[in-house]
Amino acid sequence: MCNSREEKAVLVRRLKAYYGDNLLSVIFYGAHLKGVLDEIDAFVIIEKPTDLVKLNRLADFIEDIKEPIEKEYGCPIAFELYLKEDADSFHAVYLDIARAYEIAYDKDDYFAGLLSKMTNPEVSMDYVQYLTTIEVVEV
């Protein structure tokens, strides 16, 4: 079992050092907040792409941040890495985050405002209606 407090602090420090002013938010959520320390769930939002290819951004995150921390502390990290433009749309993970979360870093309260918007029934119902109107076309 890992010491999630120490690992999370190291993760936030490394994210700040790696992304600098481009880092918008770091949110922890999931089972470890309920005392189950099998893995740490992290939701990370950056303002603009560090690489135009999403796969490269994810590979950099895994190689430079995730894997070194996992190796050093022995506790797996599950993560979501979003650009601001992607985070501004509704994602199902917001429902999971809204149940229990810990804001570790939030530049200009970006994520706090985003979550408030996404959990507002008047706003979120528009997304739900959109999602439920998708039709399956048989070929």
Protein backbone atom coordinates (compact mmCIF):
# COMPACT_ATOMS: atom_id res chain seq x y z
CA MET A 1 0.00 0.00 0.00
CA CYS A 2 1.30 3.47 -0.77
CA ASN A 3 1.37 6.75 1.13
CA SER A 4 -0.98 8.62 -1.15
CA ARG A 5 -0.45 12.01 0.54
CA GLU A 6 3.27 12.01 -0.15
CA GLU A 7 2.89 10.60 -3.66
CA LYS A 8 0.20 13.15 -4.53
CA ALA A 9 2.36 16.03 -3.28
CA VAL A 10 5.26 14.81 -5.43
CA LEU A 11 2.94 14.41 -8.42
CA VAL A 12 1.66 17.99 -8.09
CA ARG A 13 5.22 19.36 -7.73
CA ARG A 14 6.38 17.47 -10.82
CA LEU A 15 3.35 18.56 -12.82
CA LYS A 16 3.98 22.21 -11.89
CA ALA A 17 7.65 21.90 -12.79
CA TYR A 18 6.91 20.09 -16.06
CA TYR A 19 4.01 22.21 -17.34
CA GLY A 20 4.70 25.54 -15.59
CA ASP A 21 2.10 28.20 -16.37
CA ASN A 22 0.47 25.82 -18.84
CA LEU A 23 -0.92 23.74 -15.95
CA LEU A 24 -4.54 24.64 -15.14
CA SER A 25 -5.78 22.02 -12.70
CA VAL A 26 -4.85 18.87 -10.81
CA ILE A 27 -7.77 17.04 -9.24
CA PHE A 28 -7.62 13.81 -7.26
CA TYR A 29 -10.69 11.61 -7.14
CA GLY A 30 -11.68 7.99 -6.80
CA ALA A 31 -11.23 5.12 -4.37
CA HIS A 32 -8.10 6.39 -2.62
CA LEU A 33 -10.15 9.29 -1.20
CA LYS A 34 -12.36 6.71 0.50
CA GLY A 35 -9.44 4.94 2.14
CA VAL A 36 -8.83 2.36 -0.58
CA LEU A 37 -5.27 3.00 -1.70
CA ASP A 38 -5.00 0.63 -4.63
CA GLU A 39 -4.31 3.48 -7.05
CA ILE A 40 -4.45 7.24 -7.23
CA ASP A 41 -6.83 8.77 -9.77
CA ALA A 42 -5.65 12.11 -11.13
CA PHE A 43 -7.44 14.48 -13.50
CA VAL A 44 -4.99 16.92 -15.09
CA ILE A 45 -5.88 19.86 -17.33
CA ILE A 46 -3.35 21.85 -19.31
CA GLU A 47 -4.11 25.06 -21.17
CA LYS A 48 -2.54 24.38 -24.55
CA PRO A 49 -0.90 21.39 -26.22
CA THR A 50 2.71 20.64 -25.43
CA ASP A 51 2.71 18.61 -28.64
CA LEU A 52 0.24 18.75 -31.50
CA VAL A 53 -0.15 14.96 -31.39
CA LYS A 54 -2.25 13.77 -28.44
CA LEU A 55 -0.48 10.42 -28.32
CA ASN A 56 2.87 12.19 -27.86
CA ARG A 57 1.46 14.30 -24.99
CA LEU A 58 0.21 11.16 -23.25
CA ALA A 59 3.50 9.33 -23.83
CA ASP A 60 5.46 12.28 -22.39
CA PHE A 61 3.19 12.38 -19.33
CA ILE A 62 3.59 8.65 -18.76
CA GLU A 63 7.35 8.60 -19.32
CA ASP A 64 8.30 11.83 -17.53
CA ILE A 65 5.79 11.98 -14.68
CA LYS A 66 3.65 8.87 -14.08
CA GLU A 67 6.18 6.04 -14.41
CA PRO A 68 8.97 7.64 -12.33
CA ILE A 69 6.57 8.30 -9.45
CA GLU A 70 5.09 4.80 -9.64
CA LYS A 71 8.57 3.30 -9.66
CA GLU A 72 9.71 5.41 -6.72
CA TYR A 73 6.58 4.97 -4.56
CA GLY A 74 5.15 1.66 -5.79
CA CYS A 75 1.61 2.95 -6.11
CA PRO A 76 -0.15 3.05 -9.51
CA ILE A 77 -1.51 6.31 -10.88
CA ALA A 78 -4.53 6.34 -13.18
CA PHE A 79 -4.87 9.64 -14.97
CA GLU A 80 -6.92 11.69 -17.37
CA LEU A 81 -4.98 14.38 -19.27
CA TYR A 82 -7.11 17.02 -20.97
CA LEU A 83 -6.51 20.22 -22.85
CA LYS A 84 -8.62 23.16 -21.70
CA GLU A 85 -10.58 23.12 -24.96
CA ASP A 86 -11.48 19.46 -24.36
CA ALA A 87 -12.20 19.89 -20.66
CA ASP A 88 -14.75 22.61 -21.42
CA SER A 89 -17.11 19.94 -22.79
CA PHE A 90 -19.06 17.52 -20.63
CA HIS A 91 -17.32 14.18 -19.89
CA ALA A 92 -18.74 11.27 -17.92
CA VAL A 93 -15.70 11.38 -15.61
CA TYR A 94 -17.12 14.64 -14.18
CA LEU A 95 -19.93 12.63 -12.61
CA ASP A 96 -17.41 10.40 -10.87
CA ILE A 97 -15.28 13.36 -9.80
CA ALA A 98 -18.30 15.25 -8.41
CA ARG A 99 -18.97 12.40 -5.95
CA ALA A 100 -15.63 12.84 -4.16
CA TYR A 101 -12.68 14.96 -5.18
CA GLU A 102 -9.74 16.91 -3.88
CA ILE A 103 -8.49 19.97 -5.72
CA ALA A 104 -4.70 19.92 -5.47
CA TYR A 105 -4.05 22.80 -7.87
CA ASP A 106 -6.52 25.06 -9.64
CA LYS A 107 -5.18 28.10 -11.48
CA ASP A 108 -7.71 30.94 -11.28
CA ASP A 109 -10.33 28.45 -9.92
CA TYR A 110 -10.71 27.06 -13.42
CA PHE A 111 -11.81 23.54 -12.44
CA ALA A 112 -14.03 24.73 -9.58
CA GLY A 113 -15.96 26.86 -12.06
CA LEU A 114 -16.03 24.10 -14.65
CA LEU A 115 -17.36 21.51 -12.21
CA SER A 116 -19.98 23.94 -10.95
CA LYS A 117 -21.11 24.47 -14.54
CA MET A 118 -21.09 20.77 -15.41
CA THR A 119 -23.08 19.77 -12.33
CA ASN A 120 -25.66 22.50 -12.87
CA PRO A 121 -28.78 20.61 -14.01
CA GLU A 122 -29.73 23.29 -16.53
CA VAL A 123 -26.36 22.95 -18.25
CA SER A 124 -25.74 19.23 -17.82
CA MET A 125 -29.22 18.26 -19.07
CA ASP A 126 -28.37 19.87 -22.40
CA TYR A 127 -25.44 17.47 -22.68
CA VAL A 128 -27.54 14.50 -21.56
CA GLN A 129 -30.22 15.32 -24.13
CA TYR A 130 -27.56 15.52 -26.79
CA LEU A 131 -26.04 12.20 -25.75
CA THR A 132 -29.42 10.45 -25.72
CA THR A 133 -30.35 11.62 -29.21
CA ILE A 134 -27.56 9.78 -30.91
CA GLU A 135 -29.08 7.14 -33.16
CA VAL A 136 -27.66 3.79 -34.14
CA VAL A 137 -27.82 3.21 -37.86
CA GLU A 138 -27.69 -0.39 -38.97
CA VAL A 139 -25.63 -1.05 -42.07
